[in-house]
Amino acid sequence: MILSNTTPHKFCRLENRPLSPPGGMRLPRLPLLLKIAAAAAAGALALIAATRLRRDDAVYSLRRDIREAVAALTSSSDEDGDGADGGQGDGGDAPAPSVLITGFRAHGKSSLVNTACRALAAEEGPLLLRAEASPPGGGSDGTRKRLLVKAVVAGTDGEMGADEAVVELLDAPPLPEAARLTRKDIDGAIGEGNPECVVLVLRCDAPGKERTAAIKRLPEISAAVRAKGLNLIVVLTFKKAMRSIRQAEELLREVSFRARTDCVYFIENYTWSNNGPNLLHPPVIRNDFGTHFTVLTIIRQCLEFIKLNRSQSEGKGKIKPADLPAEINHKVREEDAKTGTKV
């Protein structure tokens, strides 16, 4: 039998072709998936970096506003050289703004002072203590005295310049227990040290009876502060103790209603760990945006109140002829023209 040339050979040559999976399915292309995953990761990192830059810019802006406000308060108040410290006329600078930090024992007063100093100075790393905090349980604060802490405000670049802006924080001794608190105790705590703004610290996770008793005394504390011509700011510490947003809103409404103020803030202070400080290896505390932003907002609000109070005190102590009624102003000018005196 003779085979024709057109008949295919029994042994065919294998060609270099990829084997197709059964059923006509195509295998996924791994390089394309890797590219998509890399692009998604790069986008997520870029978003995180942009968010961090926005947060840093917000904190820097607040710190810059505080520095400018302190500089405006401590400079000469008017053209005649009368300072804001009583109008002595020596052309000197006005005193630094002073903020009183008060509250009950172990509610976070000293921790708020340390947190404010850290945020104002733009510190990083281990927590530097300016005020000694009370232990969470036990101990006595009868021997504690009022502590004056000068918090230095860092510049826009994070460095301290020659013209330092300082905010005086008065760490007051703790108030007596709410059940034994009297109006005399409140007036004594507010009047000592001549503060220009009062910050009352309350603890969110305090025992139920203790927190309820402290909140019930808020109207009396608020009335005493306003009787001194000052403004009150309430700070609720240990914010993480709030179980839900609803619980936080209820506490906020109750405190605002009893204290008769809208200036109520939640904050989580910087504190030592449960193991306590380590002298050989101080624990490094990571700065939190919420804590920094909140405490700087509190200081900024205090400076606004101080600016308003100083401007009102200057207006009461000095009356210009333009502020007088027209008829009285005309008579004053006629008498001055006769006597030759200059107003």
C-alpha atoms as a PDB file:
ATOM      1  CA  MET A   1       0.000   0.000   0.000  1.00  0.00           C
ATOM      2  CA  ILE A   2       1.359   3.387  -0.994  1.00  0.00           C
ATOM      3  CA  LEU A   3       0.723   6.414   1.215  1.00  0.00           C
ATOM      4  CA  SER A   4      -0.041   9.675  -0.492  1.00  0.00           C
ATOM      5  CA  ASN A   5       1.803  12.869   0.361  1.00  0.00           C
ATOM      6  CA  THR A   6      -1.412  14.525   1.546  1.00  0.00           C
ATOM      7  CA  THR A   7      -2.031  12.024   4.318  1.00  0.00           C
ATOM      8  CA  PRO A   8      -0.825  13.337   7.736  1.00  0.00           C
ATOM      9  CA  HIS A   9       1.849  11.333   9.418  1.00  0.00           C
ATOM     10  CA  LYS A  10       1.003   9.239  12.358  1.00  0.00           C
ATOM     11  CA  PHE A  11       3.646  10.938  14.554  1.00  0.00           C
ATOM     12  CA  CYS A  12       2.898  14.710  14.542  1.00  0.00           C
ATOM     13  CA  ARG A  13       5.444  17.313  15.718  1.00  0.00           C
ATOM     14  CA  LEU A  14       4.480  19.030  18.954  1.00  0.00           C
ATOM     15  CA  GLU A  15       4.145  22.795  18.762  1.00  0.00           C
ATOM     16  CA  ASN A  16       5.035  25.244  21.573  1.00  0.00           C
ATOM     17  CA  ARG A  17       1.498  26.247  22.509  1.00  0.00           C
ATOM     18  CA  PRO A  18       0.111  26.876  26.040  1.00  0.00           C
ATOM     19  CA  LEU A  19      -2.269  24.251  27.263  1.00  0.00           C
ATOM     20  CA  SER A  20      -5.789  25.556  27.708  1.00  0.00           C
ATOM     21  CA  PRO A  21      -7.596  24.630  30.918  1.00  0.00           C
ATOM     22  CA  PRO A  22     -10.515  22.242  30.694  1.00  0.00           C
ATOM     23  CA  GLY A  23     -13.873  23.730  30.024  1.00  0.00           C
ATOM     24  CA  GLY A  24     -12.537  26.776  28.181  1.00  0.00           C
ATOM     25  CA  MET A  25     -11.675  28.707  31.412  1.00  0.00           C
ATOM     26  CA  ARG A  26      -8.864  31.283  31.421  1.00  0.00           C
ATOM     27  CA  LEU A  27      -6.268  31.541  34.149  1.00  0.00           C
ATOM     28  CA  PRO A  28      -6.080  34.920  35.990  1.00  0.00           C
ATOM     29  CA  ARG A  29      -3.296  37.225  35.046  1.00  0.00           C
ATOM     30  CA  LEU A  30      -1.151  37.590  38.166  1.00  0.00           C
ATOM     31  CA  PRO A  31       0.919  40.595  37.050  1.00  0.00           C
ATOM     32  CA  LEU A  32      -2.224  42.711  36.526  1.00  0.00           C
ATOM     33  CA  LEU A  33      -3.576  41.833  39.980  1.00  0.00           C
ATOM     34  CA  LEU A  34      -0.259  42.722  41.548  1.00  0.00           C
ATOM     35  CA  LYS A  35      -0.286  46.090  39.819  1.00  0.00           C
ATOM     36  CA  ILE A  36      -3.812  46.806  41.062  1.00  0.00           C
ATOM     37  CA  ALA A  37      -2.856  45.835  44.622  1.00  0.00           C
ATOM     38  CA  ALA A  38       0.262  48.028  44.498  1.00  0.00           C
ATOM     39  CA  ALA A  39      -1.764  50.981  43.205  1.00  0.00           C
ATOM     40  CA  ALA A  40      -4.358  50.542  45.962  1.00  0.00           C
ATOM     41  CA  ALA A  41      -1.661  50.358  48.637  1.00  0.00           C
ATOM     42  CA  ALA A  42       0.026  53.478  47.273  1.00  0.00           C
ATOM     43  CA  GLY A  43      -3.290  55.324  47.273  1.00  0.00           C
ATOM     44  CA  ALA A  44      -4.008  54.296  50.863  1.00  0.00           C
ATOM     45  CA  LEU A  45      -0.559  55.453  51.990  1.00  0.00           C
ATOM     46  CA  ALA A  46      -1.006  58.757  50.183  1.00  0.00           C
ATOM     47  CA  LEU A  47      -4.383  59.255  51.861  1.00  0.00           C
ATOM     48  CA  ILE A  48      -2.895  58.514  55.300  1.00  0.00           C
ATOM     49  CA  ALA A  49      -0.026  60.927  54.666  1.00  0.00           C
ATOM     50  CA  ALA A  50      -2.410  63.659  53.514  1.00  0.00           C
ATOM     51  CA  THR A  51      -4.600  63.172  56.600  1.00  0.00           C
ATOM     52  CA  ARG A  52      -1.564  63.363  58.871  1.00  0.00           C
ATOM     53  CA  LEU A  53      -0.388  66.546  57.160  1.00  0.00           C
ATOM     54  CA  ARG A  54      -3.814  68.129  57.598  1.00  0.00           C
ATOM     55  CA  ARG A  55      -3.828  67.230  61.284  1.00  0.00           C
ATOM     56  CA  ASP A  56      -0.334  68.610  61.802  1.00  0.00           C
ATOM     57  CA  ASP A  57      -1.310  71.787  60.000  1.00  0.00           C
ATOM     58  CA  ALA A  58      -4.386  72.185  62.223  1.00  0.00           C
ATOM     59  CA  VAL A  59      -2.275  71.827  65.384  1.00  0.00           C
ATOM     60  CA  TYR A  60       0.383  74.218  64.062  1.00  0.00           C
ATOM     61  CA  SER A  61      -2.285  76.778  63.178  1.00  0.00           C
ATOM     62  CA  LEU A  62      -3.784  76.599  66.663  1.00  0.00           C
ATOM     63  CA  ARG A  63      -0.354  76.954  68.284  1.00  0.00           C
ATOM     64  CA  ARG A  64       0.437  79.937  66.031  1.00  0.00           C
ATOM     65  CA  ASP A  65      -2.869  81.601  66.947  1.00  0.00           C
ATOM     66  CA  ILE A  66      -2.119  81.086  70.649  1.00  0.00           C
ATOM     67  CA  ARG A  67       1.340  82.610  70.272  1.00  0.00           C
ATOM     68  CA  GLU A  68      -0.068  85.647  68.472  1.00  0.00           C
ATOM     69  CA  ALA A  69      -2.834  86.051  71.050  1.00  0.00           C
ATOM     70  CA  VAL A  70      -0.340  85.926  73.929  1.00  0.00           C
ATOM     71  CA  ALA A  71       1.874  88.467  72.181  1.00  0.00           C
ATOM     72  CA  ALA A  72      -1.109  90.789  71.725  1.00  0.00           C
ATOM     73  CA  LEU A  73      -2.141  90.439  75.374  1.00  0.00           C
ATOM     74  CA  THR A  74       1.320  91.043  76.812  1.00  0.00           C
ATOM     75  CA  SER A  75       2.125  94.046  74.624  1.00  0.00           C
ATOM     76  CA  SER A  76       1.222  97.636  75.544  1.00  0.00           C
ATOM     77  CA  SER A  77      -2.513  98.079  75.455  1.00  0.00           C
ATOM     78  CA  ASP A  78      -2.858 101.673  74.289  1.00  0.00           C
ATOM     79  CA  GLU A  79      -0.949 104.549  72.783  1.00  0.00           C
ATOM     80  CA  ASP A  80      -0.609 106.474  76.051  1.00  0.00           C
ATOM     81  CA  GLY A  81       1.638 103.799  77.543  1.00  0.00           C
ATOM     82  CA  ASP A  82      -0.964 102.597  80.045  1.00  0.00           C
ATOM     83  CA  GLY A  83      -0.513  98.858  80.442  1.00  0.00           C
ATOM     84  CA  ALA A  84      -3.279  96.363  80.885  1.00  0.00           C
ATOM     85  CA  ASP A  85      -2.125  95.635  84.422  1.00  0.00           C
ATOM     86  CA  GLY A  86      -3.813  98.606  85.999  1.00  0.00           C
ATOM     87  CA  GLY A  87      -2.674 101.550  83.903  1.00  0.00           C
ATOM     88  CA  GLN A  88       0.517 102.418  85.724  1.00  0.00           C
ATOM     89  CA  GLY A  89       1.746 104.368  82.730  1.00  0.00           C
ATOM     90  CA  ASP A  90       5.306 103.008  82.753  1.00  0.00           C
ATOM     91  CA  GLY A  91       5.006 101.741  79.197  1.00  0.00           C
ATOM     92  CA  GLY A  92       5.860  98.174  80.266  1.00  0.00           C
ATOM     93  CA  ASP A  93       4.318  95.012  78.964  1.00  0.00           C
ATOM     94  CA  ALA A  94       1.158  93.563  80.483  1.00  0.00           C
ATOM     95  CA  PRO A  95       1.407  90.398  82.593  1.00  0.00           C
ATOM     96  CA  ALA A  96       1.148  87.001  80.997  1.00  0.00           C
ATOM     97  CA  PRO A  97      -2.364  85.514  80.850  1.00  0.00           C
ATOM     98  CA  SER A  98      -3.134  83.253  83.802  1.00  0.00           C
ATOM     99  CA  VAL A  99      -5.492  80.272  83.769  1.00  0.00           C
ATOM    100  CA  LEU A 100      -6.657  78.525  86.946  1.00  0.00           C
ATOM    101  CA  ILE A 101      -6.983  74.720  86.790  1.00  0.00           C
ATOM    102  CA  THR A 102      -9.219  73.552  89.620  1.00  0.00           C
ATOM    103  CA  GLY A 103     -11.400  70.588  90.503  1.00  0.00           C
ATOM    104  CA  PHE A 104     -11.759  67.679  92.870  1.00  0.00           C
ATOM    105  CA  ARG A 105      -9.010  65.265  93.871  1.00  0.00           C
ATOM    106  CA  ALA A 106      -7.812  62.695  91.314  1.00  0.00           C
ATOM    107  CA  HIS A 107      -9.971  64.140  88.532  1.00  0.00           C
ATOM    108  CA  GLY A 108      -7.043  65.045  86.234  1.00  0.00           C
ATOM    109  CA  LYS A 109      -6.058  68.648  87.105  1.00  0.00           C
ATOM    110  CA  SER A 110      -2.295  68.142  87.188  1.00  0.00           C
ATOM    111  CA  SER A 111      -2.447  65.803  84.200  1.00  0.00           C
ATOM    112  CA  LEU A 112      -4.234  68.531  82.257  1.00  0.00           C
ATOM    113  CA  VAL A 113      -1.404  70.947  83.147  1.00  0.00           C
ATOM    114  CA  ASN A 114       1.208  68.458  81.933  1.00  0.00           C
ATOM    115  CA  THR A 115      -0.777  67.802  78.766  1.00  0.00           C
ATOM    116  CA  ALA A 116      -1.133  71.520  78.041  1.00  0.00           C
ATOM    117  CA  CYS A 117       2.596  72.121  78.529  1.00  0.00           C
ATOM    118  CA  ARG A 118       3.424  69.257  76.172  1.00  0.00           C
ATOM    119  CA  ALA A 119       1.040  70.484  73.473  1.00  0.00           C
ATOM    120  CA  LEU A 120       2.079  74.137  73.736  1.00  0.00           C
ATOM    121  CA  ALA A 121       5.803  73.326  73.578  1.00  0.00           C
ATOM    122  CA  ALA A 122       5.342  70.771  70.741  1.00  0.00           C
ATOM    123  CA  GLU A 123       7.228  68.114  72.707  1.00  0.00           C
ATOM    124  CA  GLU A 124       7.738  64.529  71.632  1.00  0.00           C
ATOM    125  CA  GLY A 125       9.046  61.402  73.293  1.00  0.00           C
ATOM    126  CA  PRO A 126       8.829  60.818  77.067  1.00  0.00           C
ATOM    127  CA  LEU A 127       6.282  62.768  79.076  1.00  0.00           C
ATOM    128  CA  LEU A 128       7.853  65.611  81.060  1.00  0.00           C
ATOM    129  CA  LEU A 129       6.010  66.324  84.310  1.00  0.00           C
ATOM    130  CA  ARG A 130       5.586  69.927  85.436  1.00  0.00           C
ATOM    131  CA  ALA A 131       2.933  69.196  88.017  1.00  0.00           C
ATOM    132  CA  GLU A 132       2.737  66.221  90.358  1.00  0.00           C
ATOM    133  CA  ALA A 133      -0.436  64.230  89.836  1.00  0.00           C
ATOM    134  CA  SER A 134      -2.305  62.621  92.723  1.00  0.00           C
ATOM    135  CA  PRO A 135      -2.585  58.836  92.922  1.00  0.00           C
ATOM    136  CA  PRO A 136      -5.869  57.430  91.634  1.00  0.00           C
ATOM    137  CA  GLY A 137      -6.777  56.030  95.040  1.00  0.00           C
ATOM    138  CA  GLY A 138      -5.852  56.977  98.594  1.00  0.00           C
ATOM    139  CA  GLY A 139      -3.399  59.641  99.643  1.00  0.00           C
ATOM    140  CA  SER A 140      -3.928  63.071 101.084  1.00  0.00           C
ATOM    141  CA  ASP A 141      -3.667  66.448  99.371  1.00  0.00           C
ATOM    142  CA  GLY A 142      -3.843  68.586 102.499  1.00  0.00           C
ATOM    143  CA  THR A 143      -0.211  69.696 102.193  1.00  0.00           C
ATOM    144  CA  ARG A 144      -0.373  70.605  98.521  1.00  0.00           C
ATOM    145  CA  LYS A 145      -0.061  74.256  97.598  1.00  0.00           C
ATOM    146  CA  ARG A 146      -0.897  76.238  94.516  1.00  0.00           C
ATOM    147  CA  LEU A 147       1.685  75.629  91.803  1.00  0.00           C
ATOM    148  CA  LEU A 148       2.466  78.196  89.123  1.00  0.00           C
ATOM    149  CA  VAL A 149       3.561  76.565  85.863  1.00  0.00           C
ATOM    150  CA  LYS A 150       4.779  78.761  83.016  1.00  0.00           C
ATOM    151  CA  ALA A 151       3.910  76.988  79.793  1.00  0.00           C
ATOM    152  CA  VAL A 152       6.061  78.198  76.898  1.00  0.00           C
ATOM    153  CA  VAL A 153       4.428  78.308  73.462  1.00  0.00           C
ATOM    154  CA  ALA A 154       6.644  77.011  70.668  1.00  0.00           C
ATOM    155  CA  GLY A 155       7.031  78.875  67.392  1.00  0.00           C
ATOM    156  CA  THR A 156       5.727  77.771  64.035  1.00  0.00           C
ATOM    157  CA  ASP A 157       8.907  75.776  63.387  1.00  0.00           C
ATOM    158  CA  GLY A 158       8.745  74.069  66.781  1.00  0.00           C
ATOM    159  CA  GLU A 159      11.649  76.038  68.249  1.00  0.00           C
ATOM    160  CA  MET A 160      11.666  78.528  71.099  1.00  0.00           C
ATOM    161  CA  GLY A 161      12.513  82.026  69.967  1.00  0.00           C
ATOM    162  CA  ALA A 162      14.038  84.886  71.894  1.00  0.00           C
ATOM    163  CA  ASP A 163      10.622  86.431  72.500  1.00  0.00           C
ATOM    164  CA  GLU A 164       8.977  83.579  74.366  1.00  0.00           C
ATOM    165  CA  ALA A 165       5.193  83.505  74.660  1.00  0.00           C
ATOM    166  CA  VAL A 166       4.191  82.209  78.090  1.00  0.00           C
ATOM    167  CA  VAL A 167       0.828  81.136  79.490  1.00  0.00           C
ATOM    168  CA  GLU A 168       0.668  80.847  83.287  1.00  0.00           C
ATOM    169  CA  LEU A 169      -1.199  77.749  84.462  1.00  0.00           C
ATOM    170  CA  LEU A 170      -2.215  77.754  88.131  1.00  0.00           C
ATOM    171  CA  ASP A 171      -2.458  74.190  89.426  1.00  0.00           C
ATOM    172  CA  ALA A 172      -4.720  74.701  92.453  1.00  0.00           C
ATOM    173  CA  PRO A 173      -5.064  72.352  95.420  1.00  0.00           C
ATOM    174  CA  PRO A 174      -8.070  70.046  95.060  1.00  0.00           C
ATOM    175  CA  LEU A 175     -11.460  71.187  96.230  1.00  0.00           C
ATOM    176  CA  PRO A 176     -13.032  69.421  99.225  1.00  0.00           C
ATOM    177  CA  GLU A 177     -15.433  66.608  98.582  1.00  0.00           C
ATOM    178  CA  ALA A 178     -18.683  67.648  96.961  1.00  0.00           C
ATOM    179  CA  ALA A 179     -20.632  66.813 100.103  1.00  0.00           C
ATOM    180  CA  ARG A 180     -18.446  69.125 102.209  1.00  0.00           C
ATOM    181  CA  LEU A 181     -17.885  71.864  99.623  1.00  0.00           C
ATOM    182  CA  THR A 182     -18.990  75.351 100.697  1.00  0.00           C
ATOM    183  CA  ARG A 183     -19.172  78.709  98.966  1.00  0.00           C
ATOM    184  CA  LYS A 184     -16.240  79.893 101.078  1.00  0.00           C
ATOM    185  CA  ASP A 185     -14.088  77.076  99.723  1.00  0.00           C
ATOM    186  CA  ILE A 186     -15.025  77.969  96.159  1.00  0.00           C
ATOM    187  CA  ASP A 187     -14.307  81.678  96.645  1.00  0.00           C
ATOM    188  CA  GLY A 188     -10.981  80.871  98.282  1.00  0.00           C
ATOM    189  CA  ALA A 189      -9.949  78.608  95.422  1.00  0.00           C
ATOM    190  CA  ILE A 190     -10.915  81.157  92.776  1.00  0.00           C
ATOM    191  CA  GLY A 191      -9.690  84.319  94.458  1.00  0.00           C
ATOM    192  CA  GLU A 192      -6.141  83.201  95.264  1.00  0.00           C
ATOM    193  CA  GLY A 193      -3.594  83.973  92.573  1.00  0.00           C
ATOM    194  CA  ASN A 194      -5.756  86.474  90.613  1.00  0.00           C
ATOM    195  CA  PRO A 195      -6.622  84.149  87.708  1.00  0.00           C
ATOM    196  CA  GLU A 196      -8.196  85.532  84.550  1.00  0.00           C
ATOM    197  CA  CYS A 197      -9.969  82.360  83.446  1.00  0.00           C
ATOM    198  CA  VAL A 198     -11.152  79.278  85.366  1.00  0.00           C
ATOM    199  CA  VAL A 199     -11.005  75.704  84.056  1.00  0.00           C
ATOM    200  CA  LEU A 200     -12.938  73.142  86.119  1.00  0.00           C
ATOM    201  CA  VAL A 201     -11.884  69.517  85.665  1.00  0.00           C
ATOM    202  CA  LEU A 202     -14.359  66.632  86.120  1.00  0.00           C
ATOM    203  CA  ARG A 203     -13.709  62.950  85.631  1.00  0.00           C
ATOM    204  CA  CYS A 204     -15.983  60.965  83.334  1.00  0.00           C
ATOM    205  CA  ASP A 205     -15.312  57.580  84.906  1.00  0.00           C
ATOM    206  CA  ALA A 206     -15.614  58.699  88.519  1.00  0.00           C
ATOM    207  CA  PRO A 207     -17.866  56.595  90.764  1.00  0.00           C
ATOM    208  CA  GLY A 208     -21.547  57.236  90.177  1.00  0.00           C
ATOM    209  CA  LYS A 209     -22.321  58.911  93.496  1.00  0.00           C
ATOM    210  CA  GLU A 210     -19.170  61.034  93.423  1.00  0.00           C
ATOM    211  CA  ARG A 211     -19.767  62.214  89.863  1.00  0.00           C
ATOM    212  CA  THR A 212     -23.435  62.964  90.541  1.00  0.00           C
ATOM    213  CA  ALA A 213     -22.569  64.976  93.658  1.00  0.00           C
ATOM    214  CA  ALA A 214     -19.903  66.926  91.751  1.00  0.00           C
ATOM    215  CA  ILE A 215     -22.277  67.735  88.897  1.00  0.00           C
ATOM    216  CA  LYS A 216     -24.922  68.961  91.335  1.00  0.00           C
ATOM    217  CA  ARG A 217     -22.447  71.536  92.692  1.00  0.00           C
ATOM    218  CA  LEU A 218     -21.799  72.990  89.249  1.00  0.00           C
ATOM    219  CA  PRO A 219     -24.419  75.792  89.544  1.00  0.00           C
ATOM    220  CA  GLU A 220     -22.819  77.043  92.757  1.00  0.00           C
ATOM    221  CA  ILE A 221     -19.318  76.895  91.276  1.00  0.00           C
ATOM    222  CA  SER A 222     -20.464  78.639  88.110  1.00  0.00           C
ATOM    223  CA  ALA A 223     -22.175  81.410  90.110  1.00  0.00           C
ATOM    224  CA  ALA A 224     -19.047  81.979  92.194  1.00  0.00           C
ATOM    225  CA  VAL A 225     -16.861  82.211  89.082  1.00  0.00           C
ATOM    226  CA  ARG A 226     -19.176  84.690  87.385  1.00  0.00           C
ATOM    227  CA  ALA A 227     -19.430  86.744  90.567  1.00  0.00           C
ATOM    228  CA  LYS A 228     -15.678  87.317  90.216  1.00  0.00           C
ATOM    229  CA  GLY A 229     -16.194  88.538  86.656  1.00  0.00           C
ATOM    230  CA  LEU A 230     -14.501  85.454  85.166  1.00  0.00           C
ATOM    231  CA  ASN A 231     -15.467  82.836  82.629  1.00  0.00           C
ATOM    232  CA  LEU A 232     -15.806  79.111  83.305  1.00  0.00           C
ATOM    233  CA  ILE A 233     -14.652  76.235  81.097  1.00  0.00           C
ATOM    234  CA  VAL A 234     -15.484  72.636  82.043  1.00  0.00           C
ATOM    235  CA  VAL A 235     -13.146  69.828  80.955  1.00  0.00           C
ATOM    236  CA  LEU A 236     -14.309  66.205  81.183  1.00  0.00           C
ATOM    237  CA  THR A 237     -11.270  63.947  81.474  1.00  0.00           C
ATOM    238  CA  PHE A 238     -10.863  60.216  80.730  1.00  0.00           C
ATOM    239  CA  LYS A 239     -12.839  60.459  77.517  1.00  0.00           C
ATOM    240  CA  LYS A 240     -12.205  56.814  76.618  1.00  0.00           C
ATOM    241  CA  ALA A 241     -14.335  55.761  79.586  1.00  0.00           C
ATOM    242  CA  MET A 242     -17.463  56.780  77.668  1.00  0.00           C
ATOM    243  CA  ARG A 243     -19.095  53.618  76.389  1.00  0.00           C
ATOM    244  CA  SER A 244     -21.069  55.221  73.590  1.00  0.00           C
ATOM    245  CA  ILE A 245     -21.689  58.519  71.872  1.00  0.00           C
ATOM    246  CA  ARG A 246     -25.158  58.677  73.390  1.00  0.00           C
ATOM    247  CA  GLN A 247     -23.759  58.438  76.909  1.00  0.00           C
ATOM    248  CA  ALA A 248     -21.248  61.194  76.133  1.00  0.00           C
ATOM    249  CA  GLU A 249     -23.986  63.443  74.714  1.00  0.00           C
ATOM    250  CA  GLU A 250     -26.170  62.969  77.787  1.00  0.00           C
ATOM    251  CA  LEU A 251     -23.289  63.853  80.103  1.00  0.00           C
ATOM    252  CA  LEU A 252     -22.436  66.859  77.948  1.00  0.00           C
ATOM    253  CA  ARG A 253     -26.003  68.187  78.048  1.00  0.00           C
ATOM    254  CA  GLU A 254     -26.267  67.748  81.811  1.00  0.00           C
ATOM    255  CA  VAL A 255     -22.941  69.460  82.528  1.00  0.00           C
ATOM    256  CA  SER A 256     -23.697  72.314  80.130  1.00  0.00           C
ATOM    257  CA  PHE A 257     -27.123  72.871  81.678  1.00  0.00           C
ATOM    258  CA  ARG A 258     -25.924  72.893  85.271  1.00  0.00           C
ATOM    259  CA  ALA A 259     -22.754  74.907  84.623  1.00  0.00           C
ATOM    260  CA  ARG A 260     -24.649  77.319  82.330  1.00  0.00           C
ATOM    261  CA  THR A 261     -21.928  77.277  79.702  1.00  0.00           C
ATOM    262  CA  ASP A 262     -21.337  75.857  76.251  1.00  0.00           C
ATOM    263  CA  CYS A 263     -17.583  75.592  76.813  1.00  0.00           C
ATOM    264  CA  VAL A 264     -17.459  71.901  77.743  1.00  0.00           C
ATOM    265  CA  TYR A 265     -14.721  69.658  76.323  1.00  0.00           C
ATOM    266  CA  PHE A 266     -13.873  65.960  76.458  1.00  0.00           C
ATOM    267  CA  ILE A 267     -10.181  65.064  76.641  1.00  0.00           C
ATOM    268  CA  GLU A 268      -7.897  62.107  77.253  1.00  0.00           C
ATOM    269  CA  ASN A 269      -4.867  63.398  79.154  1.00  0.00           C
ATOM    270  CA  TYR A 270      -1.338  62.091  78.857  1.00  0.00           C
ATOM    271  CA  THR A 271      -0.586  59.980  81.932  1.00  0.00           C
ATOM    272  CA  TRP A 272       1.930  57.381  83.025  1.00  0.00           C
ATOM    273  CA  SER A 273       1.216  53.737  82.365  1.00  0.00           C
ATOM    274  CA  ASN A 274      -0.180  51.474  85.070  1.00  0.00           C
ATOM    275  CA  ASN A 275       3.308  50.169  85.839  1.00  0.00           C
ATOM    276  CA  GLY A 276       4.493  53.639  86.771  1.00  0.00           C
ATOM    277  CA  PRO A 277       7.476  55.633  85.511  1.00  0.00           C
ATOM    278  CA  ASN A 278      10.780  53.959  84.744  1.00  0.00           C
ATOM    279  CA  LEU A 279      13.798  56.080  85.637  1.00  0.00           C
ATOM    280  CA  LEU A 280      16.235  54.076  83.510  1.00  0.00           C
ATOM    281  CA  HIS A 281      14.022  53.845  80.436  1.00  0.00           C
ATOM    282  CA  PRO A 282      11.274  56.501  80.456  1.00  0.00           C
ATOM    283  CA  PRO A 283       8.300  55.307  78.414  1.00  0.00           C
ATOM    284  CA  VAL A 284       7.816  57.107  75.125  1.00  0.00           C
ATOM    285  CA  ILE A 285       4.333  58.554  74.742  1.00  0.00           C
ATOM    286  CA  ARG A 286       2.965  58.999  71.274  1.00  0.00           C
ATOM    287  CA  ASN A 287       1.299  62.323  70.629  1.00  0.00           C
ATOM    288  CA  ASP A 288      -2.400  62.072  69.905  1.00  0.00           C
ATOM    289  CA  PHE A 289      -4.059  64.512  67.542  1.00  0.00           C
ATOM    290  CA  GLY A 290      -7.333  64.614  69.465  1.00  0.00           C
ATOM    291  CA  THR A 291      -5.609  65.374  72.769  1.00  0.00           C
ATOM    292  CA  HIS A 292      -3.358  68.069  71.295  1.00  0.00           C
ATOM    293  CA  PHE A 293      -6.153  69.722  69.340  1.00  0.00           C
ATOM    294  CA  THR A 294      -8.538  69.716  72.323  1.00  0.00           C
ATOM    295  CA  VAL A 295      -6.124  71.141  74.889  1.00  0.00           C
ATOM    296  CA  LEU A 296      -4.934  73.836  72.469  1.00  0.00           C
ATOM    297  CA  THR A 297      -8.558  74.736  71.765  1.00  0.00           C
ATOM    298  CA  ILE A 298      -9.166  75.103  75.521  1.00  0.00           C
ATOM    299  CA  ILE A 299      -6.151  77.410  75.893  1.00  0.00           C
ATOM    300  CA  ARG A 300      -7.251  79.416  72.863  1.00  0.00           C
ATOM    301  CA  GLN A 301     -10.734  79.843  74.333  1.00  0.00           C
ATOM    302  CA  CYS A 302      -9.241  81.005  77.640  1.00  0.00           C
ATOM    303  CA  LEU A 303      -7.189  83.637  75.819  1.00  0.00           C
ATOM    304  CA  GLU A 304     -10.299  84.937  74.090  1.00  0.00           C
ATOM    305  CA  PHE A 305     -12.040  85.313  77.459  1.00  0.00           C
ATOM    306  CA  ILE A 306      -8.983  87.041  78.933  1.00  0.00           C
ATOM    307  CA  LYS A 307      -8.820  89.444  76.007  1.00  0.00           C
ATOM    308  CA  LEU A 308     -12.489  90.315  76.453  1.00  0.00           C
ATOM    309  CA  ASN A 309     -12.126  90.843  80.217  1.00  0.00           C
ATOM    310  CA  ARG A 310      -9.065  93.051  79.821  1.00  0.00           C
ATOM    311  CA  SER A 311     -10.718  95.196  77.186  1.00  0.00           C
ATOM    312  CA  GLN A 312     -13.793  95.651  79.390  1.00  0.00           C
ATOM    313  CA  SER A 313     -11.677  96.572  82.423  1.00  0.00           C
ATOM    314  CA  GLU A 314      -9.773  99.136  80.375  1.00  0.00           C
ATOM    315  CA  GLY A 315     -13.032 100.601  79.082  1.00  0.00           C
ATOM    316  CA  LYS A 316     -14.393 100.993  82.617  1.00  0.00           C
ATOM    317  CA  GLY A 317     -11.225 102.624  83.917  1.00  0.00           C
ATOM    318  CA  LYS A 318     -10.895 105.170  81.130  1.00  0.00           C
ATOM    319  CA  ILE A 319     -13.703 107.242  79.569  1.00  0.00           C
ATOM    320  CA  LYS A 320     -12.908 109.223  76.463  1.00  0.00           C
ATOM    321  CA  PRO A 321     -14.712 112.476  75.548  1.00  0.00           C
ATOM    322  CA  ALA A 322     -16.071 110.826  72.419  1.00  0.00           C
ATOM    323  CA  ASP A 323     -17.916 108.299  74.578  1.00  0.00           C
ATOM    324  CA  LEU A 324     -19.843 111.033  76.450  1.00  0.00           C
ATOM    325  CA  PRO A 325     -23.265 112.245  75.340  1.00  0.00           C
ATOM    326  CA  ALA A 326     -23.290 115.170  72.938  1.00  0.00           C
ATOM    327  CA  GLU A 327     -24.618 117.801  75.414  1.00  0.00           C
ATOM    328  CA  ILE A 328     -22.221 116.786  78.217  1.00  0.00           C
ATOM    329  CA  ASN A 329     -19.333 116.620  75.776  1.00  0.00           C
ATOM    330  CA  HIS A 330     -20.135 120.148  74.525  1.00  0.00           C
ATOM    331  CA  LYS A 331     -20.250 121.568  78.081  1.00  0.00           C
ATOM    332  CA  VAL A 332     -16.978 119.853  78.946  1.00  0.00           C
ATOM    333  CA  ARG A 333     -15.286 121.373  75.926  1.00  0.00           C
ATOM    334  CA  GLU A 334     -16.650 124.861  76.784  1.00  0.00           C
ATOM    335  CA  GLU A 335     -15.338 124.611  80.350  1.00  0.00           C
ATOM    336  CA  ASP A 336     -11.993 123.363  79.071  1.00  0.00           C
ATOM    337  CA  ALA A 337     -11.805 126.266  76.655  1.00  0.00           C
ATOM    338  CA  LYS A 338     -12.419 128.731  79.499  1.00  0.00           C
ATOM    339  CA  THR A 339      -9.930 127.153  81.901  1.00  0.00           C
ATOM    340  CA  GLY A 340      -7.380 126.394  79.204  1.00  0.00           C
ATOM    341  CA  THR A 341      -7.109 122.722  80.057  1.00  0.00           C
ATOM    342  CA  LYS A 342      -6.646 120.096  77.407  1.00  0.00           C
ATOM    343  CA  VAL A 343      -8.780 117.027  77.397  1.00  0.00           C
END
